[in-house]
Amino acid sequence: MQGWDFEKPIIELTEKIEELRSFSTDKKVEMSSEINNLEKKLKSLKKDIYSKLTPWQKVQISRHPRRPTTLDYLQNITDNYIILSGDRFFKDDQALICGLATIEGKKIAFVGHQKGRDTSENIKRNFGCAHPEGYRKAMRIMRLAQRFGLPLVCFIDTPGAYPGIGAEERGQAQAIAENIRDMFSLKIPIIVTVIGEGGSGGALGIGVGDKVLITQYGYYSVISPEGCAAILWKDAAKREEAARVLKLTAPELLDLGIVDQIIPEAEGGAHWNPDKSAANLKKFLLENLSQLDELNPDQLIEERYQRFRKIGKFVE
């Protein structure tokens, strides 16, 4: 079982419980009392460890290799979905997926970053780092959604847009900037959810919405902790300090007014119980879609604009 250093005691105890269950079944030995005691100990251990997480440890959870991806959530919360490919200019970017779906019979359009589960899939998905053609594809689907009057749901999960030479040559910065500009004028409800990493312009390229949600262990930041540490202290090893000062965790973002709601995850993160975390996400999406349906297009655009204008505004 994969996990971070601070999760090792939990993983070891979980594996011990599974071994006892297997032994009890195979040997037909009654061990329910011992297993129940260990499960109580595991629950207490999880509560103790996950209640004291540092900002950096929360960033690690957002990057967990078993954390649900956009496709995982689509398979779990939608009745059905269809992927639409290509930006009609260059090629299809596998790091950003788009399409149409229904949730409880309600039709939506979606765009979302997609990471891989293993090395080969991560290479195919470029580790969730989209190219300019990915952002242009996303805007193509957004305009399609507006044409048919479909609400838009965006799933953010990226360390950042791809910074390679090819991406820059094909207009990475312009593609992201145009998306940010054009999303403000879409006359449809838009819900943005940070389901894992929300890094830099790569996140902002699909990040303008009427409601911005974040999962409990997601993070949203102008730069990754490693990148910040490398710039400020010329030492990427200071990433823990960077994560602390960046104020990138869900509760901090809520206090700053950058996100509107925090979606609870299973204890310790969505990777421990993807089904429960997906159910929570679905509940929040449906509630917010219902609220936004009551607003007309002019109200959506005006309130969306005012929502983002207020970010960073303080009165002393």
C-alpha atoms as a PDB file:
ATOM      1  CA  MET A   1       0.000   0.000   0.000  1.00  0.00           C
ATOM      2  CA  GLN A   2       1.430   3.370  -1.042  1.00  0.00           C
ATOM      3  CA  GLY A   3       1.621   6.274   1.361  1.00  0.00           C
ATOM      4  CA  TRP A   4       3.697   9.118   2.760  1.00  0.00           C
ATOM      5  CA  ASP A   5       6.055   8.846   5.731  1.00  0.00           C
ATOM      6  CA  PHE A   6       3.512  10.233   8.212  1.00  0.00           C
ATOM      7  CA  GLU A   7       1.015   7.585   7.054  1.00  0.00           C
ATOM      8  CA  LYS A   8       3.301   4.600   7.677  1.00  0.00           C
ATOM      9  CA  PRO A   9       1.890   3.708  11.133  1.00  0.00           C
ATOM     10  CA  ILE A  10      -1.624   3.728   9.631  1.00  0.00           C
ATOM     11  CA  ILE A  11      -0.586   1.612   6.658  1.00  0.00           C
ATOM     12  CA  GLU A  12       1.216  -0.920   8.864  1.00  0.00           C
ATOM     13  CA  LEU A  13      -1.793  -1.303  11.175  1.00  0.00           C
ATOM     14  CA  THR A  14      -4.188  -1.537   8.196  1.00  0.00           C
ATOM     15  CA  GLU A  15      -2.090  -4.311   6.652  1.00  0.00           C
ATOM     16  CA  LYS A  16      -1.954  -6.145   9.987  1.00  0.00           C
ATOM     17  CA  ILE A  17      -5.774  -6.056  10.221  1.00  0.00           C
ATOM     18  CA  GLU A  18      -6.075  -7.421   6.683  1.00  0.00           C
ATOM     19  CA  GLU A  19      -3.607 -10.200   7.500  1.00  0.00           C
ATOM     20  CA  LEU A  20      -5.629 -11.194  10.570  1.00  0.00           C
ATOM     21  CA  ARG A  21      -8.858 -11.206   8.542  1.00  0.00           C
ATOM     22  CA  SER A  22      -7.258 -13.384   5.897  1.00  0.00           C
ATOM     23  CA  PHE A  23      -5.779 -15.734   8.520  1.00  0.00           C
ATOM     24  CA  SER A  24      -9.137 -15.964  10.320  1.00  0.00           C
ATOM     25  CA  THR A  25     -10.939 -16.843   7.074  1.00  0.00           C
ATOM     26  CA  ASP A  26      -8.353 -19.316   5.788  1.00  0.00           C
ATOM     27  CA  LYS A  27      -7.823 -21.149   9.078  1.00  0.00           C
ATOM     28  CA  LYS A  28     -11.414 -20.750  10.275  1.00  0.00           C
ATOM     29  CA  VAL A  29     -10.214 -19.216  13.548  1.00  0.00           C
ATOM     30  CA  GLU A  30     -12.421 -16.795  15.460  1.00  0.00           C
ATOM     31  CA  MET A  31     -10.486 -13.519  15.779  1.00  0.00           C
ATOM     32  CA  SER A  32     -13.250 -10.916  15.623  1.00  0.00           C
ATOM     33  CA  SER A  33     -12.401  -9.541  19.085  1.00  0.00           C
ATOM     34  CA  GLU A  34      -8.741  -8.959  18.169  1.00  0.00           C
ATOM     35  CA  ILE A  35      -9.708  -7.420  14.827  1.00  0.00           C
ATOM     36  CA  ASN A  36     -12.277  -5.097  16.447  1.00  0.00           C
ATOM     37  CA  ASN A  37      -9.687  -3.889  18.956  1.00  0.00           C
ATOM     38  CA  LEU A  38      -7.198  -3.155  16.191  1.00  0.00           C
ATOM     39  CA  GLU A  39      -9.852  -1.331  14.155  1.00  0.00           C
ATOM     40  CA  LYS A  40     -10.597   0.904  17.154  1.00  0.00           C
ATOM     41  CA  LYS A  41      -6.888   1.548  17.504  1.00  0.00           C
ATOM     42  CA  LEU A  42      -6.666   2.349  13.779  1.00  0.00           C
ATOM     43  CA  LYS A  43      -9.540   4.825  13.998  1.00  0.00           C
ATOM     44  CA  SER A  44      -7.916   6.575  16.949  1.00  0.00           C
ATOM     45  CA  LEU A  45      -4.530   6.623  15.185  1.00  0.00           C
ATOM     46  CA  LYS A  46      -6.027   8.151  12.033  1.00  0.00           C
ATOM     47  CA  LYS A  47      -7.812  10.819  14.040  1.00  0.00           C
ATOM     48  CA  ASP A  48      -4.616  11.700  15.898  1.00  0.00           C
ATOM     49  CA  ILE A  49      -2.373  11.868  12.812  1.00  0.00           C
ATOM     50  CA  TYR A  50      -4.763  13.635  10.432  1.00  0.00           C
ATOM     51  CA  SER A  51      -5.826  16.235  13.008  1.00  0.00           C
ATOM     52  CA  LYS A  52      -2.238  17.520  13.248  1.00  0.00           C
ATOM     53  CA  LEU A  53      -1.247  17.759   9.585  1.00  0.00           C
ATOM     54  CA  THR A  54       1.056  20.573   8.507  1.00  0.00           C
ATOM     55  CA  PRO A  55       0.315  22.540   5.299  1.00  0.00           C
ATOM     56  CA  TRP A  56       3.057  20.583   3.524  1.00  0.00           C
ATOM     57  CA  GLN A  57       1.567  17.251   4.585  1.00  0.00           C
ATOM     58  CA  LYS A  58      -1.797  18.387   3.203  1.00  0.00           C
ATOM     59  CA  VAL A  59      -0.058  19.172  -0.087  1.00  0.00           C
ATOM     60  CA  GLN A  60       1.329  15.636  -0.040  1.00  0.00           C
ATOM     61  CA  ILE A  61      -2.169  14.222   0.440  1.00  0.00           C
ATOM     62  CA  SER A  62      -3.403  16.273  -2.539  1.00  0.00           C
ATOM     63  CA  ARG A  63      -0.697  14.521  -4.603  1.00  0.00           C
ATOM     64  CA  HIS A  64      -1.298  11.015  -3.283  1.00  0.00           C
ATOM     65  CA  PRO A  65      -0.879   8.462  -6.106  1.00  0.00           C
ATOM     66  CA  ARG A  66      -4.162   6.775  -5.154  1.00  0.00           C
ATOM     67  CA  ARG A  67      -6.132  10.015  -4.937  1.00  0.00           C
ATOM     68  CA  PRO A  68      -9.249  10.060  -7.173  1.00  0.00           C
ATOM     69  CA  THR A  69      -8.788  11.833 -10.513  1.00  0.00           C
ATOM     70  CA  THR A  70     -11.293  13.656 -12.693  1.00  0.00           C
ATOM     71  CA  LEU A  71     -12.123  10.417 -14.529  1.00  0.00           C
ATOM     72  CA  ASP A  72     -12.602   8.593 -11.225  1.00  0.00           C
ATOM     73  CA  TYR A  73     -15.101  11.205 -10.097  1.00  0.00           C
ATOM     74  CA  LEU A  74     -16.906  11.209 -13.439  1.00  0.00           C
ATOM     75  CA  GLN A  75     -17.330   7.438 -13.239  1.00  0.00           C
ATOM     76  CA  ASN A  76     -18.606   7.739  -9.674  1.00  0.00           C
ATOM     77  CA  ILE A  77     -20.909  10.773  -9.714  1.00  0.00           C
ATOM     78  CA  THR A  78     -22.374  10.857 -13.239  1.00  0.00           C
ATOM     79  CA  ASP A  79     -25.127   8.724 -14.763  1.00  0.00           C
ATOM     80  CA  ASN A  80     -23.054   8.656 -17.956  1.00  0.00           C
ATOM     81  CA  TYR A  81     -20.507  10.821 -19.738  1.00  0.00           C
ATOM     82  CA  ILE A  82     -18.869  11.219 -23.134  1.00  0.00           C
ATOM     83  CA  ILE A  83     -15.398  12.576 -23.843  1.00  0.00           C
ATOM     84  CA  LEU A  84     -14.982  15.193 -26.595  1.00  0.00           C
ATOM     85  CA  SER A  85     -11.478  15.501 -28.037  1.00  0.00           C
ATOM     86  CA  GLY A  86      -9.245  17.987 -29.815  1.00  0.00           C
ATOM     87  CA  ASP A  87      -8.920  21.761 -30.081  1.00  0.00           C
ATOM     88  CA  ARG A  88      -9.434  21.784 -33.899  1.00  0.00           C
ATOM     89  CA  PHE A  89      -6.061  23.533 -34.330  1.00  0.00           C
ATOM     90  CA  PHE A  90      -3.242  21.233 -33.226  1.00  0.00           C
ATOM     91  CA  LYS A  91      -4.083  17.980 -31.392  1.00  0.00           C
ATOM     92  CA  ASP A  92      -5.870  16.444 -28.422  1.00  0.00           C
ATOM     93  CA  ASP A  93      -4.221  17.171 -25.073  1.00  0.00           C
ATOM     94  CA  GLN A  94      -4.544  14.143 -22.786  1.00  0.00           C
ATOM     95  CA  ALA A  95      -3.758  16.209 -19.662  1.00  0.00           C
ATOM     96  CA  LEU A  96      -7.093  18.013 -19.887  1.00  0.00           C
ATOM     97  CA  ILE A  97     -10.300  16.118 -20.589  1.00  0.00           C
ATOM     98  CA  CYS A  98     -13.624  17.610 -21.641  1.00  0.00           C
ATOM     99  CA  GLY A  99     -17.079  16.387 -22.491  1.00  0.00           C
ATOM    100  CA  LEU A 100     -20.759  16.105 -21.663  1.00  0.00           C
ATOM    101  CA  ALA A 101     -22.425  14.219 -18.802  1.00  0.00           C
ATOM    102  CA  THR A 102     -25.559  13.867 -16.706  1.00  0.00           C
ATOM    103  CA  ILE A 103     -25.738  13.928 -12.906  1.00  0.00           C
ATOM    104  CA  GLU A 104     -29.025  12.696 -11.467  1.00  0.00           C
ATOM    105  CA  GLY A 105     -30.538  13.328 -14.905  1.00  0.00           C
ATOM    106  CA  LYS A 106     -29.203  16.907 -15.076  1.00  0.00           C
ATOM    107  CA  LYS A 107     -27.171  17.609 -18.224  1.00  0.00           C
ATOM    108  CA  ILE A 108     -23.807  19.335 -17.788  1.00  0.00           C
ATOM    109  CA  ALA A 109     -20.587  20.028 -19.654  1.00  0.00           C
ATOM    110  CA  PHE A 110     -17.279  19.364 -17.897  1.00  0.00           C
ATOM    111  CA  VAL A 111     -13.587  20.124 -18.232  1.00  0.00           C
ATOM    112  CA  GLY A 112     -10.889  18.808 -15.914  1.00  0.00           C
ATOM    113  CA  HIS A 113      -7.222  18.044 -15.524  1.00  0.00           C
ATOM    114  CA  GLN A 114      -6.349  14.356 -15.652  1.00  0.00           C
ATOM    115  CA  LYS A 115      -3.322  12.695 -14.046  1.00  0.00           C
ATOM    116  CA  GLY A 116      -2.185   9.104 -14.461  1.00  0.00           C
ATOM    117  CA  ARG A 117      -2.090   6.193 -12.046  1.00  0.00           C
ATOM    118  CA  ASP A 118       1.340   4.836 -13.022  1.00  0.00           C
ATOM    119  CA  THR A 119       4.442   6.030 -14.855  1.00  0.00           C
ATOM    120  CA  SER A 120       3.250   5.159 -18.361  1.00  0.00           C
ATOM    121  CA  GLU A 121      -0.150   6.790 -17.873  1.00  0.00           C
ATOM    122  CA  ASN A 122       1.415   9.850 -16.256  1.00  0.00           C
ATOM    123  CA  ILE A 123       3.664  10.246 -19.283  1.00  0.00           C
ATOM    124  CA  LYS A 124       0.594   9.978 -21.525  1.00  0.00           C
ATOM    125  CA  ARG A 125      -1.250  12.534 -19.379  1.00  0.00           C
ATOM    126  CA  ASN A 126       1.865  14.708 -18.936  1.00  0.00           C
ATOM    127  CA  PHE A 127       1.382  14.478 -15.154  1.00  0.00           C
ATOM    128  CA  GLY A 128      -1.745  16.631 -15.455  1.00  0.00           C
ATOM    129  CA  CYS A 129       0.188  19.572 -16.939  1.00  0.00           C
ATOM    130  CA  ALA A 130      -1.844  20.837 -19.887  1.00  0.00           C
ATOM    131  CA  HIS A 131      -0.523  22.338 -23.128  1.00  0.00           C
ATOM    132  CA  PRO A 132      -2.130  25.355 -24.860  1.00  0.00           C
ATOM    133  CA  GLU A 133      -4.183  23.010 -27.052  1.00  0.00           C
ATOM    134  CA  GLY A 134      -5.706  21.635 -23.834  1.00  0.00           C
ATOM    135  CA  TYR A 135      -6.907  25.069 -22.772  1.00  0.00           C
ATOM    136  CA  ARG A 136      -8.181  25.811 -26.283  1.00  0.00           C
ATOM    137  CA  LYS A 137     -10.043  22.508 -26.259  1.00  0.00           C
ATOM    138  CA  ALA A 138     -11.549  23.449 -22.894  1.00  0.00           C
ATOM    139  CA  MET A 139     -12.780  26.777 -24.268  1.00  0.00           C
ATOM    140  CA  ARG A 140     -14.253  25.007 -27.306  1.00  0.00           C
ATOM    141  CA  ILE A 141     -16.336  22.848 -24.958  1.00  0.00           C
ATOM    142  CA  MET A 142     -17.259  25.845 -22.816  1.00  0.00           C
ATOM    143  CA  ARG A 143     -18.642  27.646 -25.875  1.00  0.00           C
ATOM    144  CA  LEU A 144     -20.471  24.463 -26.859  1.00  0.00           C
ATOM    145  CA  ALA A 145     -22.013  24.387 -23.377  1.00  0.00           C
ATOM    146  CA  GLN A 146     -23.158  27.992 -23.760  1.00  0.00           C
ATOM    147  CA  ARG A 147     -24.676  27.237 -27.163  1.00  0.00           C
ATOM    148  CA  PHE A 148     -26.849  24.506 -25.652  1.00  0.00           C
ATOM    149  CA  GLY A 149     -27.463  26.204 -22.306  1.00  0.00           C
ATOM    150  CA  LEU A 150     -25.608  23.610 -20.230  1.00  0.00           C
ATOM    151  CA  PRO A 151     -24.036  24.420 -16.847  1.00  0.00           C
ATOM    152  CA  LEU A 152     -20.265  23.927 -16.731  1.00  0.00           C
ATOM    153  CA  VAL A 153     -18.373  21.961 -14.080  1.00  0.00           C
ATOM    154  CA  CYS A 154     -14.574  22.334 -13.916  1.00  0.00           C
ATOM    155  CA  PHE A 155     -12.256  19.953 -12.039  1.00  0.00           C
ATOM    156  CA  ILE A 156      -8.840  21.399 -11.174  1.00  0.00           C
ATOM    157  CA  ASP A 157      -5.978  18.999 -10.437  1.00  0.00           C
ATOM    158  CA  THR A 158      -2.636  20.174 -11.798  1.00  0.00           C
ATOM    159  CA  PRO A 159       0.767  21.272 -10.480  1.00  0.00           C
ATOM    160  CA  GLY A 160       0.693  23.876 -13.261  1.00  0.00           C
ATOM    161  CA  ALA A 161       0.516  24.338 -17.018  1.00  0.00           C
ATOM    162  CA  TYR A 162       3.304  22.652 -19.003  1.00  0.00           C
ATOM    163  CA  PRO A 163       6.278  25.086 -19.239  1.00  0.00           C
ATOM    164  CA  GLY A 164       8.116  23.401 -22.143  1.00  0.00           C
ATOM    165  CA  ILE A 165       9.456  25.172 -25.221  1.00  0.00           C
ATOM    166  CA  GLY A 166       6.821  23.670 -27.524  1.00  0.00           C
ATOM    167  CA  ALA A 167       4.001  24.836 -25.268  1.00  0.00           C
ATOM    168  CA  GLU A 168       5.437  28.346 -25.129  1.00  0.00           C
ATOM    169  CA  GLU A 169       5.874  28.414 -28.899  1.00  0.00           C
ATOM    170  CA  ARG A 170       2.209  27.510 -29.353  1.00  0.00           C
ATOM    171  CA  GLY A 171       1.015  30.281 -27.030  1.00  0.00           C
ATOM    172  CA  GLN A 172       0.655  28.834 -23.553  1.00  0.00           C
ATOM    173  CA  ALA A 173       0.295  32.181 -21.773  1.00  0.00           C
ATOM    174  CA  GLN A 174      -2.133  33.529 -24.365  1.00  0.00           C
ATOM    175  CA  ALA A 175      -4.313  30.402 -24.250  1.00  0.00           C
ATOM    176  CA  ILE A 176      -4.631  30.656 -20.458  1.00  0.00           C
ATOM    177  CA  ALA A 177      -5.229  34.412 -20.539  1.00  0.00           C
ATOM    178  CA  GLU A 178      -7.949  34.071 -23.197  1.00  0.00           C
ATOM    179  CA  ASN A 179      -9.673  31.367 -21.159  1.00  0.00           C
ATOM    180  CA  ILE A 180      -9.701  33.557 -18.049  1.00  0.00           C
ATOM    181  CA  ARG A 181     -11.076  36.474 -20.069  1.00  0.00           C
ATOM    182  CA  ASP A 182     -13.725  34.474 -21.919  1.00  0.00           C
ATOM    183  CA  MET A 183     -14.955  32.523 -18.879  1.00  0.00           C
ATOM    184  CA  PHE A 184     -16.081  35.814 -17.338  1.00  0.00           C
ATOM    185  CA  SER A 185     -18.509  36.353 -20.213  1.00  0.00           C
ATOM    186  CA  LEU A 186     -20.055  32.871 -20.423  1.00  0.00           C
ATOM    187  CA  LYS A 187     -23.806  33.115 -19.863  1.00  0.00           C
ATOM    188  CA  ILE A 188     -24.085  29.757 -18.108  1.00  0.00           C
ATOM    189  CA  PRO A 189     -23.594  28.626 -14.491  1.00  0.00           C
ATOM    190  CA  ILE A 190     -19.976  27.632 -13.778  1.00  0.00           C
ATOM    191  CA  ILE A 191     -18.831  25.591 -10.786  1.00  0.00           C
ATOM    192  CA  VAL A 192     -15.095  25.141 -10.249  1.00  0.00           C
ATOM    193  CA  THR A 193     -13.817  22.455  -7.880  1.00  0.00           C
ATOM    194  CA  VAL A 194     -10.198  21.947  -6.841  1.00  0.00           C
ATOM    195  CA  ILE A 195     -10.071  18.167  -6.369  1.00  0.00           C
ATOM    196  CA  GLY A 196      -6.325  17.900  -5.724  1.00  0.00           C
ATOM    197  CA  GLU A 197      -3.582  20.278  -6.762  1.00  0.00           C
ATOM    198  CA  GLY A 198      -4.445  23.785  -7.890  1.00  0.00           C
ATOM    199  CA  GLY A 199      -1.186  25.128  -9.218  1.00  0.00           C
ATOM    200  CA  SER A 200      -0.592  28.533 -10.803  1.00  0.00           C
ATOM    201  CA  GLY A 201      -1.937  29.572 -14.216  1.00  0.00           C
ATOM    202  CA  GLY A 202      -2.498  25.943 -15.094  1.00  0.00           C
ATOM    203  CA  ALA A 203      -5.357  25.959 -12.582  1.00  0.00           C
ATOM    204  CA  LEU A 204      -6.606  29.459 -13.432  1.00  0.00           C
ATOM    205  CA  GLY A 205      -7.029  28.479 -17.089  1.00  0.00           C
ATOM    206  CA  ILE A 206     -10.241  26.662 -16.094  1.00  0.00           C
ATOM    207  CA  GLY A 207     -10.691  28.376 -12.728  1.00  0.00           C
ATOM    208  CA  VAL A 208     -13.173  31.224 -13.262  1.00  0.00           C
ATOM    209  CA  GLY A 209     -16.554  30.281 -11.835  1.00  0.00           C
ATOM    210  CA  ASP A 210     -19.676  31.471 -10.060  1.00  0.00           C
ATOM    211  CA  LYS A 211     -18.788  29.089  -7.244  1.00  0.00           C
ATOM    212  CA  VAL A 212     -15.259  27.908  -6.437  1.00  0.00           C
ATOM    213  CA  LEU A 213     -15.140  24.811  -4.242  1.00  0.00           C
ATOM    214  CA  ILE A 214     -12.202  22.854  -2.879  1.00  0.00           C
ATOM    215  CA  THR A 215     -11.931  19.380  -1.412  1.00  0.00           C
ATOM    216  CA  GLN A 216     -10.739  19.161   2.178  1.00  0.00           C
ATOM    217  CA  TYR A 217      -7.153  18.222   1.327  1.00  0.00           C
ATOM    218  CA  GLY A 218      -6.820  20.124  -1.925  1.00  0.00           C
ATOM    219  CA  TYR A 219      -4.565  23.155  -2.267  1.00  0.00           C
ATOM    220  CA  TYR A 220      -4.750  26.259  -4.481  1.00  0.00           C
ATOM    221  CA  SER A 221      -1.715  28.480  -4.953  1.00  0.00           C
ATOM    222  CA  VAL A 222       0.051  30.889  -7.259  1.00  0.00           C
ATOM    223  CA  ILE A 223       3.043  28.517  -7.217  1.00  0.00           C
ATOM    224  CA  SER A 224       4.001  25.124  -5.804  1.00  0.00           C
ATOM    225  CA  PRO A 225       5.794  25.064  -2.426  1.00  0.00           C
ATOM    226  CA  GLU A 226       8.941  23.728  -4.130  1.00  0.00           C
ATOM    227  CA  GLY A 227       8.892  26.488  -6.738  1.00  0.00           C
ATOM    228  CA  CYS A 228       8.320  29.153  -4.109  1.00  0.00           C
ATOM    229  CA  ALA A 229      11.194  27.833  -1.976  1.00  0.00           C
ATOM    230  CA  ALA A 230      13.528  27.731  -4.968  1.00  0.00           C
ATOM    231  CA  ILE A 231      12.763  31.369  -5.807  1.00  0.00           C
ATOM    232  CA  LEU A 232      12.703  32.892  -2.317  1.00  0.00           C
ATOM    233  CA  TRP A 233      15.426  30.883  -0.597  1.00  0.00           C
ATOM    234  CA  LYS A 234      17.232  29.306  -3.571  1.00  0.00           C
ATOM    235  CA  ASP A 235      16.576  26.012  -1.799  1.00  0.00           C
ATOM    236  CA  ALA A 236      13.699  23.696  -2.763  1.00  0.00           C
ATOM    237  CA  ALA A 237      14.245  21.826   0.528  1.00  0.00           C
ATOM    238  CA  LYS A 238      12.490  24.726   2.289  1.00  0.00           C
ATOM    239  CA  ARG A 239       9.212  23.586   0.746  1.00  0.00           C
ATOM    240  CA  GLU A 240       7.600  23.011   4.157  1.00  0.00           C
ATOM    241  CA  GLU A 241       8.199  26.629   5.146  1.00  0.00           C
ATOM    242  CA  ALA A 242       6.933  27.762   1.741  1.00  0.00           C
ATOM    243  CA  ALA A 243       3.736  25.723   2.134  1.00  0.00           C
ATOM    244  CA  ARG A 244       3.148  27.420   5.484  1.00  0.00           C
ATOM    245  CA  VAL A 245       3.576  31.004   4.279  1.00  0.00           C
ATOM    246  CA  LEU A 246       1.681  30.554   1.005  1.00  0.00           C
ATOM    247  CA  LYS A 247      -1.651  30.056   2.854  1.00  0.00           C
ATOM    248  CA  LEU A 248      -2.682  27.395   0.337  1.00  0.00           C
ATOM    249  CA  THR A 249      -4.775  24.974   2.403  1.00  0.00           C
ATOM    250  CA  ALA A 250      -8.560  24.778   2.151  1.00  0.00           C
ATOM    251  CA  PRO A 251      -9.391  26.489   5.507  1.00  0.00           C
ATOM    252  CA  GLU A 252      -6.963  29.340   4.766  1.00  0.00           C
ATOM    253  CA  LEU A 253      -8.400  29.829   1.275  1.00  0.00           C
ATOM    254  CA  LEU A 254     -11.926  29.927   2.705  1.00  0.00           C
ATOM    255  CA  ASP A 255     -10.894  32.586   5.239  1.00  0.00           C
ATOM    256  CA  LEU A 256      -9.368  34.676   2.430  1.00  0.00           C
ATOM    257  CA  GLY A 257     -12.517  34.414   0.316  1.00  0.00           C
ATOM    258  CA  ILE A 258     -10.716  32.674  -2.544  1.00  0.00           C
ATOM    259  CA  VAL A 259     -12.964  29.599  -2.293  1.00  0.00           C
ATOM    260  CA  ASP A 260     -16.625  29.494  -1.330  1.00  0.00           C
ATOM    261  CA  GLN A 261     -16.962  26.043   0.234  1.00  0.00           C
ATOM    262  CA  ILE A 262     -14.861  23.126   1.465  1.00  0.00           C
ATOM    263  CA  ILE A 263     -16.045  19.651   0.453  1.00  0.00           C
ATOM    264  CA  PRO A 264     -15.356  17.086   3.210  1.00  0.00           C
ATOM    265  CA  GLU A 265     -13.283  14.032   2.309  1.00  0.00           C
ATOM    266  CA  ALA A 266     -13.033  10.635   3.935  1.00  0.00           C
ATOM    267  CA  GLU A 267     -10.904  10.706   7.075  1.00  0.00           C
ATOM    268  CA  GLY A 268      -7.272  11.081   6.028  1.00  0.00           C
ATOM    269  CA  GLY A 269      -8.109  11.955   2.447  1.00  0.00           C
ATOM    270  CA  ALA A 270     -10.119  10.755  -0.532  1.00  0.00           C
ATOM    271  CA  HIS A 271      -7.623   7.960  -1.261  1.00  0.00           C
ATOM    272  CA  TRP A 272      -8.835   6.076   1.845  1.00  0.00           C
ATOM    273  CA  ASN A 273     -12.477   6.048   0.760  1.00  0.00           C
ATOM    274  CA  PRO A 274     -13.040   7.352  -2.799  1.00  0.00           C
ATOM    275  CA  ASP A 275     -16.748   6.428  -2.781  1.00  0.00           C
ATOM    276  CA  LYS A 276     -17.521   8.538   0.278  1.00  0.00           C
ATOM    277  CA  SER A 277     -15.528  11.478  -1.064  1.00  0.00           C
ATOM    278  CA  ALA A 278     -17.293  11.217  -4.433  1.00  0.00           C
ATOM    279  CA  ALA A 279     -20.692  11.171  -2.724  1.00  0.00           C
ATOM    280  CA  ASN A 280     -19.797  14.383  -0.875  1.00  0.00           C
ATOM    281  CA  LEU A 281     -18.633  16.024  -4.108  1.00  0.00           C
ATOM    282  CA  LYS A 282     -21.830  15.036  -5.904  1.00  0.00           C
ATOM    283  CA  LYS A 283     -23.975  16.467  -3.092  1.00  0.00           C
ATOM    284  CA  PHE A 284     -22.183  19.825  -3.175  1.00  0.00           C
ATOM    285  CA  LEU A 285     -22.297  20.046  -6.975  1.00  0.00           C
ATOM    286  CA  LEU A 286     -26.032  19.365  -7.135  1.00  0.00           C
ATOM    287  CA  GLU A 287     -26.771  21.878  -4.364  1.00  0.00           C
ATOM    288  CA  ASN A 288     -24.780  24.627  -6.074  1.00  0.00           C
ATOM    289  CA  LEU A 289     -26.170  23.852  -9.531  1.00  0.00           C
ATOM    290  CA  SER A 290     -29.669  24.186  -8.102  1.00  0.00           C
ATOM    291  CA  GLN A 291     -28.839  27.575  -6.562  1.00  0.00           C
ATOM    292  CA  LEU A 292     -27.233  28.924  -9.735  1.00  0.00           C
ATOM    293  CA  ASP A 293     -30.175  27.806 -11.871  1.00  0.00           C
ATOM    294  CA  GLU A 294     -32.216  30.550 -10.176  1.00  0.00           C
ATOM    295  CA  LEU A 295     -30.004  33.322 -11.625  1.00  0.00           C
ATOM    296  CA  ASN A 296     -30.430  34.759 -15.108  1.00  0.00           C
ATOM    297  CA  PRO A 297     -27.385  35.157 -17.426  1.00  0.00           C
ATOM    298  CA  ASP A 298     -26.855  38.851 -16.607  1.00  0.00           C
ATOM    299  CA  GLN A 299     -26.883  38.112 -12.871  1.00  0.00           C
ATOM    300  CA  LEU A 300     -24.415  35.255 -13.322  1.00  0.00           C
ATOM    301  CA  ILE A 301     -21.944  37.441 -15.218  1.00  0.00           C
ATOM    302  CA  GLU A 302     -22.203  40.392 -12.820  1.00  0.00           C
ATOM    303  CA  GLU A 303     -21.894  38.314  -9.639  1.00  0.00           C
ATOM    304  CA  ARG A 304     -19.023  36.291 -11.136  1.00  0.00           C
ATOM    305  CA  TYR A 305     -17.193  39.523 -11.938  1.00  0.00           C
ATOM    306  CA  GLN A 306     -17.778  40.997  -8.481  1.00  0.00           C
ATOM    307  CA  ARG A 307     -16.754  37.756  -6.790  1.00  0.00           C
ATOM    308  CA  PHE A 308     -13.265  37.877  -8.282  1.00  0.00           C
ATOM    309  CA  ARG A 309     -12.893  41.658  -7.951  1.00  0.00           C
ATOM    310  CA  LYS A 310     -13.243  41.268  -4.162  1.00  0.00           C
ATOM    311  CA  ILE A 311     -10.304  38.869  -3.869  1.00  0.00           C
ATOM    312  CA  GLY A 312      -7.379  40.650  -2.238  1.00  0.00           C
ATOM    313  CA  LYS A 313      -9.449  43.659  -1.166  1.00  0.00           C
ATOM    314  CA  PHE A 314      -9.033  44.583   2.496  1.00  0.00           C
ATOM    315  CA  VAL A 315     -10.174  47.452   4.688  1.00  0.00           C
ATOM    316  CA  GLU A 316      -8.071  48.372   7.704  1.00  0.00           C
END
